[in-house]
C-alpha atoms as a PDB file:
ATOM      1  CA  MET A   1      -3.431  12.916  -1.362  1.00  0.00           C
ATOM      2  CA  ILE A   2      -4.603   9.705  -2.865  1.00  0.00           C
ATOM      3  CA  ILE A   3      -6.829  10.392  -5.851  1.00  0.00           C
ATOM      4  CA  SER A   4      -9.105   7.846  -7.332  1.00  0.00           C
ATOM      5  CA  LEU A   5      -8.226   6.063 -10.433  1.00  0.00           C
ATOM      6  CA  PHE A   6     -11.323   6.690 -11.892  1.00  0.00           C
ATOM      7  CA  THR A   7     -10.985  10.532 -12.124  1.00  0.00           C
ATOM      8  CA  CYS A   8      -7.751  10.589 -14.444  1.00  0.00           C
ATOM      9  CA  GLU A   9      -8.591   7.119 -16.299  1.00  0.00           C
ATOM     10  CA  HIS A  10      -7.976   8.359 -19.596  1.00  0.00           C
ATOM     11  CA  LEU A  11      -4.315   8.739 -18.158  1.00  0.00           C
ATOM     12  CA  PHE A  12      -3.653   5.630 -17.012  1.00  0.00           C
ATOM     13  CA  ARG A  13      -4.916   4.482 -19.943  1.00  0.00           C
ATOM     14  CA  ASP A  14      -2.396   5.901 -21.908  1.00  0.00           C
ATOM     15  CA  PHE A  15       0.507   5.573 -19.733  1.00  0.00           C
ATOM     16  CA  LYS A  16       0.016   1.103 -19.805  1.00  0.00           C
ATOM     17  CA  LYS A  17      -0.402   2.041 -23.617  1.00  0.00           C
ATOM     18  CA  LYS A  18       3.035   3.998 -23.888  1.00  0.00           C
ATOM     19  CA  TYR A  19       5.266   2.122 -20.957  1.00  0.00           C
ATOM     20  CA  ASN A  20       3.755  -1.078 -20.591  1.00  0.00           C
ATOM     21  CA  ALA A  21       2.730  -0.468 -17.170  1.00  0.00           C
ATOM     22  CA  LEU A  22      -0.151  -0.311 -14.984  1.00  0.00           C
ATOM     23  CA  VAL A  23      -0.866   2.541 -12.368  1.00  0.00           C
ATOM     24  CA  TYR A  24      -1.965   1.044  -9.251  1.00  0.00           C
ATOM     25  CA  THR A  25      -2.154   4.350  -7.446  1.00  0.00           C
ATOM     26  CA  VAL A  26      -1.611   7.829  -7.393  1.00  0.00           C
ATOM     27  CA  VAL A  27      -0.268  10.252  -4.940  1.00  0.00           C
ATOM     28  CA  ARG A  28      -1.045  13.843  -5.102  1.00  0.00           C
ATOM     29  CA  GLY A  29       0.705  16.934  -4.105  1.00  0.00           C
ATOM     30  CA  ARG A  30       0.744  20.642  -4.940  1.00  0.00           C
ATOM     31  CA  TYR A  31       3.367  22.769  -4.289  1.00  0.00           C
ATOM     32  CA  LEU A  32       3.822  26.465  -4.809  1.00  0.00           C
ATOM     33  CA  GLU A  33       6.469  26.565  -6.718  1.00  0.00           C
ATOM     34  CA  ILE A  34       5.828  23.772  -9.094  1.00  0.00           C
ATOM     35  CA  GLY A  35       2.387  23.208  -9.501  1.00  0.00           C
ATOM     36  CA  THR A  36       0.304  20.120  -8.693  1.00  0.00           C
ATOM     37  CA  LEU A  37       2.471  16.935  -9.061  1.00  0.00           C
ATOM     38  CA  ASP A  38       0.795  13.151  -9.472  1.00  0.00           C
ATOM     39  CA  ALA A  39       3.146  10.566  -8.666  1.00  0.00           C
ATOM     40  CA  TYR A  40       2.093   7.712 -10.770  1.00  0.00           C
ATOM     41  CA  LEU A  41       3.178   4.183  -8.859  1.00  0.00           C
ATOM     42  CA  TYR A  42       2.999   1.421 -11.110  1.00  0.00           C
ATOM     43  CA  VAL A  43       3.657  -2.066 -11.880  1.00  0.00           C
ATOM     44  CA  SER A  44       5.880  -2.741 -14.883  1.00  0.00           C
ATOM     45  CA  ASP A  45       5.588  -5.750 -17.372  1.00  0.00           C
ATOM     46  CA  GLU A  46       9.322  -6.480 -16.643  1.00  0.00           C
ATOM     47  CA  LYS A  47       9.292  -9.446 -14.073  1.00  0.00           C
ATOM     48  CA  SER A  48      12.629  -8.576 -13.342  1.00  0.00           C
ATOM     49  CA  GLU A  49      12.329  -4.906 -11.862  1.00  0.00           C
ATOM     50  CA  TRP A  50       9.599  -6.434  -9.360  1.00  0.00           C
ATOM     51  CA  GLU A  51      11.727  -7.669  -6.647  1.00  0.00           C
ATOM     52  CA  TYR A  52      13.623  -4.954  -6.697  1.00  0.00           C
ATOM     53  CA  ASP A  53      10.913  -2.085  -6.542  1.00  0.00           C
ATOM     54  CA  GLU A  54       9.131  -4.139  -3.551  1.00  0.00           C
ATOM     55  CA  GLU A  55      12.883  -4.101  -1.704  1.00  0.00           C
ATOM     56  CA  THR A  56      13.136  -0.070  -2.311  1.00  0.00           C
ATOM     57  CA  PHE A  57       9.070   0.273  -1.768  1.00  0.00           C
ATOM     58  CA  GLY A  58      10.123  -1.814   2.050  1.00  0.00           C
ATOM     59  CA  HIS A  59      12.567   1.262   3.072  1.00  0.00           C
ATOM     60  CA  GLY A  60       9.978   4.283   1.945  1.00  0.00           C
ATOM     61  CA  GLU A  61      11.033   5.176  -1.956  1.00  0.00           C
ATOM     62  CA  ILE A  62       9.926   3.970  -4.764  1.00  0.00           C
ATOM     63  CA  PHE A  63      10.402   4.390  -8.776  1.00  0.00           C
ATOM     64  CA  ALA A  64       7.110   6.062 -10.211  1.00  0.00           C
ATOM     65  CA  TYR A  65       6.659   8.394 -12.686  1.00  0.00           C
ATOM     66  CA  VAL A  66       5.572  11.996 -11.554  1.00  0.00           C
ATOM     67  CA  TYR A  67       3.416  13.818 -13.636  1.00  0.00           C
ATOM     68  CA  ASN A  68       3.480  17.370 -13.563  1.00  0.00           C
ATOM     69  CA  GLN A  69      -0.357  18.970 -14.308  1.00  0.00           C
ATOM     70  CA  ASP A  70       0.428  22.599 -14.443  1.00  0.00           C
ATOM     71  CA  TYR A  71       3.725  21.955 -16.415  1.00  0.00           C
ATOM     72  CA  PRO A  72       3.523  18.642 -18.564  1.00  0.00           C
ATOM     73  CA  TYR A  73       6.872  18.929 -20.262  1.00  0.00           C
ATOM     74  CA  MET A  74       8.436  18.588 -16.890  1.00  0.00           C
ATOM     75  CA  SER A  75       6.442  15.163 -15.966  1.00  0.00           C
ATOM     76  CA  GLU A  76       9.418  12.548 -15.760  1.00  0.00           C
ATOM     77  CA  PHE A  77      10.601   9.369 -14.290  1.00  0.00           C
ATOM     78  CA  GLY A  78      12.359   8.500 -11.109  1.00  0.00           C
ATOM     79  CA  TYR A  79      12.414   7.866  -7.220  1.00  0.00           C
ATOM     80  CA  ILE A  80      10.568   9.700  -4.673  1.00  0.00           C
ATOM     81  CA  GLY A  81       9.692   9.310  -0.779  1.00  0.00           C
ATOM     82  CA  ILE A  82       6.891   7.680   0.597  1.00  0.00           C
ATOM     83  CA  LYS A  83       5.696   7.049   3.749  1.00  0.00           C
ATOM     84  CA  LEU A  84       2.206   5.750   5.514  1.00  0.00           C
ATOM     85  CA  GLY A  85       0.297   8.885   6.438  1.00  0.00           C
ATOM     86  CA  ALA A  86      -3.153   9.411   8.292  1.00  0.00           C
ATOM     87  CA  ALA A  87      -5.828   6.143   7.655  1.00  0.00           C
ATOM     88  CA  ALA A  88      -2.875   4.135   6.014  1.00  0.00           C
ATOM     89  CA  GLY A  89      -2.761   6.854   3.156  1.00  0.00           C
ATOM     90  CA  LEU A  90       0.337   7.134   1.159  1.00  0.00           C
ATOM     91  CA  VAL A  91       2.270  10.673   1.878  1.00  0.00           C
ATOM     92  CA  ARG A  92       5.159  12.170  -0.243  1.00  0.00           C
ATOM     93  CA  THR A  93       8.216  12.912   1.430  1.00  0.00           C
ATOM     94  CA  TRP A  94      10.417  13.987  -1.150  1.00  0.00           C
END
């Protein structure tokens, strides 16, 4: 599920200030064991990362910040799997 960026605008503003990165979309997943996870797909201000990000995205994985809505202390950066779902929406695969 992709959520509207306006829904959590204050979170993205804080993220931008803290990490110097611009969130361009969020992929939300709900999991019984760990809660609701929002994967922030973002562009860093580090130009050296852009080429690598583009390459890994083409292989179905991307570096993201995953915010855990139920347990915020478990939020973290890391690679996630993604693919195009129905109606060209993004779906997290792992």
